[in-house]
PDB file of N, CA and C in Angstrom:
ATOM      1  N   MET A   1       0.859  -1.177   0.000  1.00  0.00           N
ATOM      2  CA  MET A   1       0.000   0.000   0.000  1.00  0.00           C
ATOM      3  C   MET A   1       0.896   1.228   0.000  1.00  0.00           C
ATOM      4  N   THR A   2       0.626   2.120  -0.924  1.00  0.00           N
ATOM      5  CA  THR A   2       1.383   3.359  -0.968  1.00  0.00           C
ATOM      6  C   THR A   2       0.459   4.528  -0.704  1.00  0.00           C
ATOM      7  N   THR A   3       1.018   5.537  -0.115  1.00  0.00           N
ATOM      8  CA  THR A   3       0.267   6.748   0.181  1.00  0.00           C
ATOM      9  C   THR A   3       0.960   7.906  -0.503  1.00  0.00           C
ATOM     10  N   PRO A   4       0.229   8.654  -1.337  1.00  0.00           N
ATOM     11  CA  PRO A   4       0.866   9.778  -1.998  1.00  0.00           C
ATOM     12  C   PRO A   4       1.227  10.871  -1.005  1.00  0.00           C
ATOM     13  N   ILE A   5       2.315  11.551  -1.270  1.00  0.00           N
ATOM     14  CA  ILE A   5       2.709  12.683  -0.437  1.00  0.00           C
ATOM     15  C   ILE A   5       1.627  13.751  -0.556  1.00  0.00           C
ATOM     16  N   GLY A   6       1.222  14.298   0.555  1.00  0.00           N
ATOM     17  CA  GLY A   6       0.205  15.338   0.534  1.00  0.00           C
ATOM     18  C   GLY A   6      -1.217  14.807   0.424  1.00  0.00           C
ATOM     19  N   ASN A   7      -1.418  13.497   0.583  1.00  0.00           N
ATOM     20  CA  ASN A   7      -2.761  12.935   0.515  1.00  0.00           C
ATOM     21  C   ASN A   7      -3.619  13.547   1.620  1.00  0.00           C
ATOM     22  N   ASN A   8      -4.760  14.090   1.243  1.00  0.00           N
ATOM     23  CA  ASN A   8      -5.667  14.604   2.266  1.00  0.00           C
ATOM     24  C   ASN A   8      -7.096  14.133   2.010  1.00  0.00           C
ATOM     25  N   ALA A   9      -7.215  12.961   1.402  1.00  0.00           N
ATOM     26  CA  ALA A   9      -8.534  12.395   1.140  1.00  0.00           C
ATOM     27  C   ALA A   9      -9.177  11.935   2.449  1.00  0.00           C
ATOM     28  N   ILE A  10     -10.496  12.092   2.515  1.00  0.00           N
ATOM     29  CA  ILE A  10     -11.261  11.645   3.678  1.00  0.00           C
ATOM     30  C   ILE A  10     -12.480  10.859   3.218  1.00  0.00           C
ATOM     31  N   LEU A  11     -13.017  10.089   4.144  1.00  0.00           N
ATOM     32  CA  LEU A  11     -14.268   9.376   3.956  1.00  0.00           C
ATOM     33  C   LEU A  11     -15.246   9.947   4.974  1.00  0.00           C
ATOM     34  N   VAL A  12     -16.368  10.465   4.504  1.00  0.00           N
ATOM     35  CA  VAL A  12     -17.394  11.018   5.386  1.00  0.00           C
ATOM     36  C   VAL A  12     -18.560  10.036   5.398  1.00  0.00           C
ATOM     37  N   LEU A  13     -19.047   9.727   6.582  1.00  0.00           N
ATOM     38  CA  LEU A  13     -20.160   8.796   6.742  1.00  0.00           C
ATOM     39  C   LEU A  13     -21.367   9.527   7.303  1.00  0.00           C
ATOM     40  N   THR A  14     -22.529   9.223   6.743  1.00  0.00           N
ATOM     41  CA  THR A  14     -23.783   9.727   7.279  1.00  0.00           C
ATOM     42  C   THR A  14     -24.885   8.759   6.881  1.00  0.00           C
ATOM     43  N   ASN A  15     -26.035   8.865   7.526  1.00  0.00           N
ATOM     44  CA  ASN A  15     -27.202   8.039   7.211  1.00  0.00           C
ATOM     45  C   ASN A  15     -28.388   8.949   6.958  1.00  0.00           C
ATOM     46  N   LEU A  16     -29.192   8.586   5.975  1.00  0.00           N
ATOM     47  CA  LEU A  16     -30.405   9.329   5.653  1.00  0.00           C
ATOM     48  C   LEU A  16     -31.610   8.414   5.854  1.00  0.00           C
ATOM     49  N   PRO A  17     -32.804   8.985   6.021  1.00  0.00           N
ATOM     50  CA  PRO A  17     -33.964   8.148   6.307  1.00  0.00           C
ATOM     51  C   PRO A  17     -34.499   7.372   5.101  1.00  0.00           C
ATOM     52  N   ASP A  18     -34.149   7.802   3.876  1.00  0.00           N
ATOM     53  CA  ASP A  18     -34.680   7.123   2.692  1.00  0.00           C
ATOM     54  C   ASP A  18     -33.792   7.403   1.483  1.00  0.00           C
ATOM     55  N   ILE A  19     -34.009   6.639   0.418  1.00  0.00           N
ATOM     56  CA  ILE A  19     -33.179   6.742  -0.778  1.00  0.00           C
ATOM     57  C   ILE A  19     -33.327   8.107  -1.454  1.00  0.00           C
ATOM     58  N   ASN A  20     -34.525   8.664  -1.466  1.00  0.00           N
ATOM     59  CA  ASN A  20     -34.722   9.961  -2.129  1.00  0.00           C
ATOM     60  C   ASN A  20     -33.915  11.065  -1.465  1.00  0.00           C
ATOM     61  N   SER A  21     -33.928  11.124  -0.145  1.00  0.00           N
ATOM     62  CA  SER A  21     -33.152  12.163   0.538  1.00  0.00           C
ATOM     63  C   SER A  21     -31.655  11.911   0.389  1.00  0.00           C
ATOM     64  N   ALA A  22     -31.237  10.642   0.325  1.00  0.00           N
ATOM     65  CA  ALA A  22     -29.822  10.327   0.112  1.00  0.00           C
ATOM     66  C   ALA A  22     -29.373  10.775  -1.279  1.00  0.00           C
ATOM     67  N   GLU A  23     -30.182  10.490  -2.295  1.00  0.00           N
ATOM     68  CA  GLU A  23     -29.831  10.899  -3.656  1.00  0.00           C
ATOM     69  C   GLU A  23     -29.794  12.420  -3.791  1.00  0.00           C
ATOM     70  N   LYS A  24     -30.729  13.097  -3.147  1.00  0.00           N
ATOM     71  CA  LYS A  24     -30.756  14.562  -3.205  1.00  0.00           C
ATOM     72  C   LYS A  24     -29.505  15.150  -2.550  1.00  0.00           C
ATOM     73  N   LEU A  25     -29.130  14.631  -1.390  1.00  0.00           N
ATOM     74  CA  LEU A  25     -27.925  15.111  -0.716  1.00  0.00           C
ATOM     75  C   LEU A  25     -26.693  14.831  -1.566  1.00  0.00           C
ATOM     76  N   ALA A  26     -26.590  13.627  -2.122  1.00  0.00           N
ATOM     77  CA  ALA A  26     -25.444  13.283  -2.970  1.00  0.00           C
ATOM     78  C   ALA A  26     -25.342  14.234  -4.155  1.00  0.00           C
ATOM     79  N   GLN A  27     -26.460  14.500  -4.799  1.00  0.00           N
ATOM     80  CA  GLN A  27     -26.457  15.412  -5.948  1.00  0.00           C
ATOM     81  C   GLN A  27     -26.014  16.811  -5.530  1.00  0.00           C
ATOM     82  N   ASN A  28     -26.502  17.293  -4.404  1.00  0.00           N
ATOM     83  CA  ASN A  28     -26.103  18.622  -3.922  1.00  0.00           C
ATOM     84  C   ASN A  28     -24.603  18.691  -3.657  1.00  0.00           C
ATOM     85  N   LEU A  29     -24.056  17.677  -3.014  1.00  0.00           N
ATOM     86  CA  LEU A  29     -22.629  17.672  -2.690  1.00  0.00           C
ATOM     87  C   LEU A  29     -21.756  17.590  -3.941  1.00  0.00           C
ATOM     88  N   ILE A  30     -22.166  16.756  -4.900  1.00  0.00           N
ATOM     89  CA  ILE A  30     -21.374  16.578  -6.121  1.00  0.00           C
ATOM     90  C   ILE A  30     -21.455  17.807  -7.013  1.00  0.00           C
ATOM     91  N   THR A  31     -22.646  18.341  -7.229  1.00  0.00           N
ATOM     92  CA  THR A  31     -22.771  19.503  -8.119  1.00  0.00           C
ATOM     93  C   THR A  31     -22.116  20.748  -7.523  1.00  0.00           C
ATOM     94  N   ALA A  32     -22.016  20.821  -6.205  1.00  0.00           N
ATOM     95  CA  ALA A  32     -21.303  21.931  -5.563  1.00  0.00           C
ATOM     96  C   ALA A  32     -19.791  21.718  -5.600  1.00  0.00           C
ATOM     97  N   GLN A  33     -19.349  20.596  -6.136  1.00  0.00           N
ATOM     98  CA  GLN A  33     -17.935  20.221  -6.230  1.00  0.00           C
ATOM     99  C   GLN A  33     -17.260  20.177  -4.858  1.00  0.00           C
ATOM    100  N   LEU A  34     -18.027  19.768  -3.860  1.00  0.00           N
ATOM    101  CA  LEU A  34     -17.466  19.597  -2.521  1.00  0.00           C
ATOM    102  C   LEU A  34     -16.905  18.200  -2.333  1.00  0.00           C
ATOM    103  N   VAL A  35     -17.390  17.243  -3.118  1.00  0.00           N
ATOM    104  CA  VAL A  35     -16.980  15.847  -2.982  1.00  0.00           C
ATOM    105  C   VAL A  35     -16.700  15.252  -4.353  1.00  0.00           C
ATOM    106  N   ALA A  36     -15.919  14.174  -4.353  1.00  0.00           N
ATOM    107  CA  ALA A  36     -15.596  13.497  -5.608  1.00  0.00           C
ATOM    108  C   ALA A  36     -16.604  12.402  -5.930  1.00  0.00           C
ATOM    109  N   CYS A  37     -17.076  11.700  -4.919  1.00  0.00           N
ATOM    110  CA  CYS A  37     -17.896  10.514  -5.149  1.00  0.00           C
ATOM    111  C   CYS A  37     -18.739  10.236  -3.914  1.00  0.00           C
ATOM    112  N   VAL A  38     -19.948   9.736  -4.151  1.00  0.00           N
ATOM    113  CA  VAL A  38     -20.816   9.318  -3.054  1.00  0.00           C
ATOM    114  C   VAL A  38     -21.341   7.918  -3.361  1.00  0.00           C
ATOM    115  N   ASN A  39     -21.167   7.011  -2.414  1.00  0.00           N
ATOM    116  CA  ASN A  39     -21.787   5.690  -2.514  1.00  0.00           C
ATOM    117  C   ASN A  39     -23.019   5.697  -1.629  1.00  0.00           C
ATOM    118  N   ILE A  40     -24.155   5.377  -2.225  1.00  0.00           N
ATOM    119  CA  ILE A  40     -25.403   5.240  -1.482  1.00  0.00           C
ATOM    120  C   ILE A  40     -25.627   3.741  -1.318  1.00  0.00           C
ATOM    121  N   LEU A  41     -25.600   3.284  -0.096  1.00  0.00           N
ATOM    122  CA  LEU A  41     -25.650   1.854   0.183  1.00  0.00           C
ATOM    123  C   LEU A  41     -27.085   1.373   0.383  1.00  0.00           C
ATOM    124  N   ALA A  42     -27.228   0.063   0.458  1.00  0.00           N
ATOM    125  CA  ALA A  42     -28.538  -0.544   0.687  1.00  0.00           C
ATOM    126  C   ALA A  42     -29.055  -0.147   2.070  1.00  0.00           C
ATOM    127  N   PRO A  43     -30.366   0.009   2.192  1.00  0.00           N
ATOM    128  CA  PRO A  43     -30.930   0.339   3.499  1.00  0.00           C
ATOM    129  C   PRO A  43     -30.512  -0.680   4.562  1.00  0.00           C
ATOM    130  N   CYS A  44     -30.364  -0.185   5.781  1.00  0.00           N
ATOM    131  CA  CYS A  44     -29.973  -1.037   6.905  1.00  0.00           C
ATOM    132  C   CYS A  44     -30.822  -0.672   8.120  1.00  0.00           C
ATOM    133  N   THR A  45     -30.782  -1.526   9.106  1.00  0.00           N
ATOM    134  CA  THR A  45     -31.475  -1.262  10.361  1.00  0.00           C
ATOM    135  C   THR A  45     -30.506  -0.602  11.329  1.00  0.00           C
ATOM    136  N   SER A  46     -30.911   0.517  11.895  1.00  0.00           N
ATOM    137  CA  SER A  46     -30.115   1.211  12.906  1.00  0.00           C
ATOM    138  C   SER A  46     -30.871   1.174  14.228  1.00  0.00           C
ATOM    139  N   MET A  47     -30.131   0.935  15.298  1.00  0.00           N
ATOM    140  CA  MET A  47     -30.707   0.969  16.641  1.00  0.00           C
ATOM    141  C   MET A  47     -29.857   1.886  17.499  1.00  0.00           C
ATOM    142  N   TYR A  48     -30.518   2.737  18.275  1.00  0.00           N
ATOM    143  CA  TYR A  48     -29.811   3.709  19.099  1.00  0.00           C
ATOM    144  C   TYR A  48     -30.755   4.249  20.166  1.00  0.00           C
ATOM    145  N   GLN A  49     -30.165   4.851  21.181  1.00  0.00           N
ATOM    146  CA  GLN A  49     -30.941   5.488  22.240  1.00  0.00           C
ATOM    147  C   GLN A  49     -31.104   6.963  21.877  1.00  0.00           C
ATOM    148  N   TRP A  50     -32.331   7.470  21.879  1.00  0.00           N
ATOM    149  CA  TRP A  50     -32.574   8.874  21.584  1.00  0.00           C
ATOM    150  C   TRP A  50     -33.660   9.382  22.517  1.00  0.00           C
ATOM    151  N   GLN A  51     -33.337  10.404  23.279  1.00  0.00           N
ATOM    152  CA  GLN A  51     -34.265  11.022  24.224  1.00  0.00           C
ATOM    153  C   GLN A  51     -34.908   9.965  25.132  1.00  0.00           C
ATOM    154  N   ASP A  52     -34.034   9.148  25.741  1.00  0.00           N
ATOM    155  CA  ASP A  52     -34.425   8.114  26.707  1.00  0.00           C
ATOM    156  C   ASP A  52     -35.315   7.016  26.125  1.00  0.00           C
ATOM    157  N   LYS A  53     -35.257   6.841  24.814  1.00  0.00           N
ATOM    158  CA  LYS A  53     -36.075   5.811  24.176  1.00  0.00           C
ATOM    159  C   LYS A  53     -35.212   5.012  23.206  1.00  0.00           C
ATOM    160  N   LEU A  54     -35.365   3.686  23.218  1.00  0.00           N
ATOM    161  CA  LEU A  54     -34.663   2.838  22.266  1.00  0.00           C
ATOM    162  C   LEU A  54     -35.349   2.952  20.910  1.00  0.00           C
ATOM    163  N   GLU A  55     -34.594   3.364  19.908  1.00  0.00           N
ATOM    164  CA  GLU A  55     -35.124   3.547  18.559  1.00  0.00           C
ATOM    165  C   GLU A  55     -34.615   2.440  17.647  1.00  0.00           C
ATOM    166  N   LYS A  56     -35.454   2.024  16.727  1.00  0.00           N
ATOM    167  CA  LYS A  56     -35.082   1.075  15.681  1.00  0.00           C
ATOM    168  C   LYS A  56     -35.694   1.600  14.389  1.00  0.00           C
ATOM    169  N   THR A  57     -34.833   1.873  13.415  1.00  0.00           N
ATOM    170  CA  THR A  57     -35.319   2.472  12.181  1.00  0.00           C
ATOM    171  C   THR A  57     -34.506   1.982  10.991  1.00  0.00           C
ATOM    172  N   THR A  58     -35.054   2.143   9.814  1.00  0.00           N
ATOM    173  CA  THR A  58     -34.336   1.833   8.583  1.00  0.00           C
ATOM    174  C   THR A  58     -33.692   3.112   8.078  1.00  0.00           C
ATOM    175  N   GLU A  59     -32.410   3.018   7.734  1.00  0.00           N
ATOM    176  CA  GLU A  59     -31.676   4.173   7.223  1.00  0.00           C
ATOM    177  C   GLU A  59     -30.880   3.776   5.986  1.00  0.00           C
ATOM    178  N   VAL A  60     -30.498   4.786   5.219  1.00  0.00           N
ATOM    179  CA  VAL A  60     -29.692   4.595   4.013  1.00  0.00           C
ATOM    180  C   VAL A  60     -28.304   5.172   4.278  1.00  0.00           C
ATOM    181  N   PRO A  61     -27.282   4.317   4.413  1.00  0.00           N
ATOM    182  CA  PRO A  61     -25.922   4.801   4.663  1.00  0.00           C
ATOM    183  C   PRO A  61     -25.301   5.421   3.412  1.00  0.00           C
ATOM    184  N   MET A  62     -24.470   6.418   3.637  1.00  0.00           N
ATOM    185  CA  MET A  62     -23.734   7.067   2.554  1.00  0.00           C
ATOM    186  C   MET A  62     -22.253   7.097   2.903  1.00  0.00           C
ATOM    187  N   MET A  63     -21.420   6.769   1.906  1.00  0.00           N
ATOM    188  CA  MET A  63     -19.965   6.901   2.026  1.00  0.00           C
ATOM    189  C   MET A  63     -19.541   7.976   1.034  1.00  0.00           C
ATOM    190  N   ILE A  64     -18.966   9.043   1.555  1.00  0.00           N
ATOM    191  CA  ILE A  64     -18.649  10.225   0.761  1.00  0.00           C
ATOM    192  C   ILE A  64     -17.140  10.399   0.715  1.00  0.00           C
ATOM    193  N   LYS A  65     -16.576  10.438  -0.495  1.00  0.00           N
ATOM    194  CA  LYS A  65     -15.132  10.632  -0.654  1.00  0.00           C
ATOM    195  C   LYS A  65     -14.864  12.079  -1.029  1.00  0.00           C
ATOM    196  N   ALA A  66     -13.929  12.692  -0.313  1.00  0.00           N
ATOM    197  CA  ALA A  66     -13.683  14.119  -0.501  1.00  0.00           C
ATOM    198  C   ALA A  66     -12.280  14.480  -0.034  1.00  0.00           C
ATOM    199  N   SER A  67     -11.985  15.762  -0.142  1.00  0.00           N
ATOM    200  CA  SER A  67     -10.726  16.313   0.350  1.00  0.00           C
ATOM    201  C   SER A  67     -10.951  16.894   1.746  1.00  0.00           C
ATOM    202  N   ARG A  68     -10.013  16.667   2.628  1.00  0.00           N
ATOM    203  CA  ARG A  68     -10.079  17.204   3.995  1.00  0.00           C
ATOM    204  C   ARG A  68     -10.278  18.726   3.986  1.00  0.00           C
ATOM    205  N   ASP A  69      -9.733  19.401   2.982  1.00  0.00           N
ATOM    206  CA  ASP A  69      -9.848  20.860   2.893  1.00  0.00           C
ATOM    207  C   ASP A  69     -11.300  21.325   2.854  1.00  0.00           C
ATOM    208  N   HIS A  70     -12.194  20.474   2.366  1.00  0.00           N
ATOM    209  CA  HIS A  70     -13.591  20.871   2.199  1.00  0.00           C
ATOM    210  C   HIS A  70     -14.510  20.343   3.293  1.00  0.00           C
ATOM    211  N   TYR A  71     -13.938  19.714   4.317  1.00  0.00           N
ATOM    212  CA  TYR A  71     -14.802  19.144   5.345  1.00  0.00           C
ATOM    213  C   TYR A  71     -15.754  20.171   5.981  1.00  0.00           C
ATOM    214  N   PRO A  72     -15.318  21.359   6.345  1.00  0.00           N
ATOM    215  CA  PRO A  72     -16.274  22.300   6.954  1.00  0.00           C
ATOM    216  C   PRO A  72     -17.483  22.593   6.054  1.00  0.00           C
ATOM    217  N   GLU A  73     -17.243  22.749   4.753  1.00  0.00           N
ATOM    218  CA  GLU A  73     -18.344  23.014   3.821  1.00  0.00           C
ATOM    219  C   GLU A  73     -19.228  21.782   3.643  1.00  0.00           C
ATOM    220  N   ILE A  74     -18.619  20.603   3.643  1.00  0.00           N
ATOM    221  CA  ILE A  74     -19.386  19.358   3.520  1.00  0.00           C
ATOM    222  C   ILE A  74     -20.291  19.192   4.735  1.00  0.00           C
ATOM    223  N   GLU A  75     -19.731  19.401   5.914  1.00  0.00           N
ATOM    224  CA  GLU A  75     -20.529  19.295   7.140  1.00  0.00           C
ATOM    225  C   GLU A  75     -21.692  20.286   7.115  1.00  0.00           C
ATOM    226  N   ALA A  76     -21.428  21.515   6.713  1.00  0.00           N
ATOM    227  CA  ALA A  76     -22.483  22.534   6.649  1.00  0.00           C
ATOM    228  C   ALA A  76     -23.570  22.136   5.653  1.00  0.00           C
ATOM    229  N   ALA A  77     -23.175  21.592   4.504  1.00  0.00           N
ATOM    230  CA  ALA A  77     -24.153  21.178   3.490  1.00  0.00           C
ATOM    231  C   ALA A  77     -24.997  20.006   3.988  1.00  0.00           C
ATOM    232  N   ILE A  78     -24.358  19.056   4.663  1.00  0.00           N
ATOM    233  CA  ILE A  78     -25.121  17.929   5.209  1.00  0.00           C
ATOM    234  C   ILE A  78     -26.117  18.439   6.244  1.00  0.00           C
ATOM    235  N   LEU A  79     -25.668  19.302   7.145  1.00  0.00           N
ATOM    236  CA  LEU A  79     -26.575  19.850   8.159  1.00  0.00           C
ATOM    237  C   LEU A  79     -27.733  20.617   7.528  1.00  0.00           C
ATOM    238  N   LYS A  80     -27.455  21.349   6.465  1.00  0.00           N
ATOM    239  CA  LYS A  80     -28.493  22.146   5.798  1.00  0.00           C
ATOM    240  C   LYS A  80     -29.563  21.267   5.158  1.00  0.00           C
ATOM    241  N   HIS A  81     -29.147  20.145   4.562  1.00  0.00           N
ATOM    242  CA  HIS A  81     -30.074  19.323   3.786  1.00  0.00           C
ATOM    243  C   HIS A  81     -30.554  18.073   4.520  1.00  0.00           C
ATOM    244  N   HIS A  82     -30.039  17.819   5.709  1.00  0.00           N
ATOM    245  CA  HIS A  82     -30.376  16.590   6.435  1.00  0.00           C
ATOM    246  C   HIS A  82     -31.643  16.796   7.249  1.00  0.00           C
ATOM    247  N   PRO A  83     -32.578  15.849   7.204  1.00  0.00           N
ATOM    248  CA  PRO A  83     -33.834  16.029   7.938  1.00  0.00           C
ATOM    249  C   PRO A  83     -33.748  15.752   9.442  1.00  0.00           C
ATOM    250  N   TYR A  84     -32.664  15.121   9.914  1.00  0.00           N
ATOM    251  CA  TYR A  84     -32.571  14.784  11.332  1.00  0.00           C
ATOM    252  C   TYR A  84     -32.147  15.989  12.163  1.00  0.00           C
ATOM    253  N   GLU A  85     -32.614  16.023  13.392  1.00  0.00           N
ATOM    254  CA  GLU A  85     -32.213  17.056  14.348  1.00  0.00           C
ATOM    255  C   GLU A  85     -30.716  16.962  14.658  1.00  0.00           C
ATOM    256  N   LEU A  86     -30.217  15.746  14.799  1.00  0.00           N
ATOM    257  CA  LEU A  86     -28.806  15.509  15.105  1.00  0.00           C
ATOM    258  C   LEU A  86     -28.294  14.371  14.211  1.00  0.00           C
ATOM    259  N   PRO A  87     -27.889  14.696  12.987  1.00  0.00           N
ATOM    260  CA  PRO A  87     -27.445  13.638  12.077  1.00  0.00           C
ATOM    261  C   PRO A  87     -26.060  13.109  12.428  1.00  0.00           C
ATOM    262  N   GLU A  88     -25.847  11.847  12.108  1.00  0.00           N
ATOM    263  CA  GLU A  88     -24.504  11.280  12.203  1.00  0.00           C
ATOM    264  C   GLU A  88     -23.673  11.871  11.076  1.00  0.00           C
ATOM    265  N   ILE A  89     -22.576  12.514  11.426  1.00  0.00           N
ATOM    266  CA  ILE A  89     -21.600  12.999  10.446  1.00  0.00           C
ATOM    267  C   ILE A  89     -20.231  12.676  11.029  1.00  0.00           C
ATOM    268  N   ILE A  90     -19.557  11.733  10.399  1.00  0.00           N
ATOM    269  CA  ILE A  90     -18.248  11.290  10.868  1.00  0.00           C
ATOM    270  C   ILE A  90     -17.293  11.349   9.695  1.00  0.00           C
ATOM    271  N   PHE A  91     -16.080  11.875   9.916  1.00  0.00           N
ATOM    272  CA  PHE A  91     -15.096  11.739   8.848  1.00  0.00           C
ATOM    273  C   PHE A  91     -13.896  10.974   9.338  1.00  0.00           C
ATOM    274  N   ILE A  92     -13.354  10.188   8.420  1.00  0.00           N
ATOM    275  CA  ILE A  92     -12.206   9.333   8.694  1.00  0.00           C
ATOM    276  C   ILE A  92     -11.123   9.700   7.692  1.00  0.00           C
ATOM    277  N   GLY A  93      -9.933   9.997   8.177  1.00  0.00           N
ATOM    278  CA  GLY A  93      -8.820  10.259   7.278  1.00  0.00           C
ATOM    279  C   GLY A  93      -8.427   8.987   6.544  1.00  0.00           C
ATOM    280  N   ILE A  94      -8.139   9.106   5.277  1.00  0.00           N
ATOM    281  CA  ILE A  94      -7.705   7.958   4.478  1.00  0.00           C
ATOM    282  C   ILE A  94      -6.184   7.948   4.486  1.00  0.00           C
ATOM    283  N   ASP A  95      -5.618   6.949   5.122  1.00  0.00           N
ATOM    284  CA  ASP A  95      -4.163   6.866   5.276  1.00  0.00           C
ATOM    285  C   ASP A  95      -3.462   6.282   4.067  1.00  0.00           C
ATOM    286  N   GLY A  96      -4.182   5.593   3.231  1.00  0.00           N
ATOM    287  CA  GLY A  96      -3.551   4.979   2.074  1.00  0.00           C
ATOM    288  C   GLY A  96      -4.587   4.485   1.098  1.00  0.00           C
ATOM    289  N   GLY A  97      -4.100   4.070  -0.046  1.00  0.00           N
ATOM    290  CA  GLY A  97      -4.970   3.566  -1.091  1.00  0.00           C
ATOM    291  C   GLY A  97      -4.282   3.730  -2.430  1.00  0.00           C
ATOM    292  N   LEU A  98      -4.998   3.456  -3.488  1.00  0.00           N
ATOM    293  CA  LEU A  98      -4.447   3.598  -4.828  1.00  0.00           C
ATOM    294  C   LEU A  98      -4.115   5.070  -5.062  1.00  0.00           C
ATOM    295  N   PRO A  99      -2.849   5.403  -5.259  1.00  0.00           N
ATOM    296  CA  PRO A  99      -2.455   6.810  -5.392  1.00  0.00           C
ATOM    297  C   PRO A  99      -3.220   7.565  -6.476  1.00  0.00           C
ATOM    298  N   ASP A 100      -3.446   6.932  -7.623  1.00  0.00           N
ATOM    299  CA  ASP A 100      -4.172   7.620  -8.694  1.00  0.00           C
ATOM    300  C   ASP A 100      -5.615   7.927  -8.286  1.00  0.00           C
ATOM    301  N   TYR A 101      -6.249   7.012  -7.556  1.00  0.00           N
ATOM    302  CA  TYR A 101      -7.617   7.259  -7.103  1.00  0.00           C
ATOM    303  C   TYR A 101      -7.650   8.398  -6.091  1.00  0.00           C
ATOM    304  N   LEU A 102      -6.735   8.377  -5.142  1.00  0.00           N
ATOM    305  CA  LEU A 102      -6.696   9.440  -4.135  1.00  0.00           C
ATOM    306  C   LEU A 102      -6.394  10.793  -4.769  1.00  0.00           C
ATOM    307  N   ALA A 103      -5.545  10.807  -5.788  1.00  0.00           N
ATOM    308  CA  ALA A 103      -5.271  12.052  -6.515  1.00  0.00           C
ATOM    309  C   ALA A 103      -6.528  12.524  -7.236  1.00  0.00           C
ATOM    310  N   TRP A 104      -7.297  11.589  -7.793  1.00  0.00           N
ATOM    311  CA  TRP A 104      -8.552  11.946  -8.466  1.00  0.00           C
ATOM    312  C   TRP A 104      -9.531  12.572  -7.472  1.00  0.00           C
ATOM    313  N   VAL A 105      -9.651  11.974  -6.279  1.00  0.00           N
ATOM    314  CA  VAL A 105     -10.546  12.525  -5.253  1.00  0.00           C
ATOM    315  C   VAL A 105     -10.186  13.978  -4.979  1.00  0.00           C
ATOM    316  N   THR A 106      -8.909  14.243  -4.799  1.00  0.00           N
ATOM    317  CA  THR A 106      -8.455  15.606  -4.521  1.00  0.00           C
ATOM    318  C   THR A 106      -8.688  16.524  -5.713  1.00  0.00           C
ATOM    319  N   SER A 107      -8.415  16.032  -6.919  1.00  0.00           N
ATOM    320  CA  SER A 107      -8.545  16.880  -8.113  1.00  0.00           C
ATOM    321  C   SER A 107      -9.990  17.255  -8.410  1.00  0.00           C
ATOM    322  N   MET A 108     -10.938  16.416  -8.042  1.00  0.00           N
ATOM    323  CA  MET A 108     -12.345  16.697  -8.333  1.00  0.00           C
ATOM    324  C   MET A 108     -12.876  17.883  -7.537  1.00  0.00           C
ATOM    325  N   THR A 109     -12.192  18.248  -6.471  1.00  0.00           N
ATOM    326  CA  THR A 109     -12.643  19.375  -5.647  1.00  0.00           C
ATOM    327  C   THR A 109     -11.619  20.508  -5.613  1.00  0.00           C
ATOM    328  N   ALA A 110     -10.620  20.434  -6.474  1.00  0.00           N
ATOM    329  CA  ALA A 110      -9.508  21.395  -6.428  1.00  0.00           C
ATOM    330  C   ALA A 110      -9.922  22.819  -6.762  1.00  0.00           C
ATOM    331  N   ASN A 111     -10.964  22.997  -7.552  1.00  0.00           N
ATOM    332  CA  ASN A 111     -11.336  24.343  -8.009  1.00  0.00           C
ATOM    333  C   ASN A 111     -12.363  25.029  -7.122  1.00  0.00           C
ATOM    334  N   THR A 112     -12.641  24.475  -5.955  1.00  0.00           N
ATOM    335  CA  THR A 112     -13.698  25.052  -5.120  1.00  0.00           C
ATOM    336  C   THR A 112     -13.179  25.812  -3.913  1.00  0.00           C
ATOM    337  N   THR A 113     -11.878  25.959  -3.773  1.00  0.00           N
ATOM    338  CA  THR A 113     -11.360  26.697  -2.613  1.00  0.00           C
ATOM    339  C   THR A 113     -11.235  28.165  -2.921  1.00  0.00           C
TER     340      THR A 113
END
């Protein structure tokens, strides 16, 4: 595994309540050139405690590939378009991967700073 010098690619994770809201968010992020790619995954069951109540719901996970430089704008866009009061928004630094792919992720958002 090689890591390009200056790699600042990240993976952002969030869940939406349905496929339509996930597709709308993905389109907003991509057309704003904040992210390179969004994977919308199959619906899954999520369980969590919310306001002293055990919740069980179906959600649509999203994996968002982007540049660390744009994380503040990505977070703001997710908060703006997300229907939840407190959405899951997590980013994970990508320590390695195919150098050409990671360079592509960075290049897709290079003109938005």
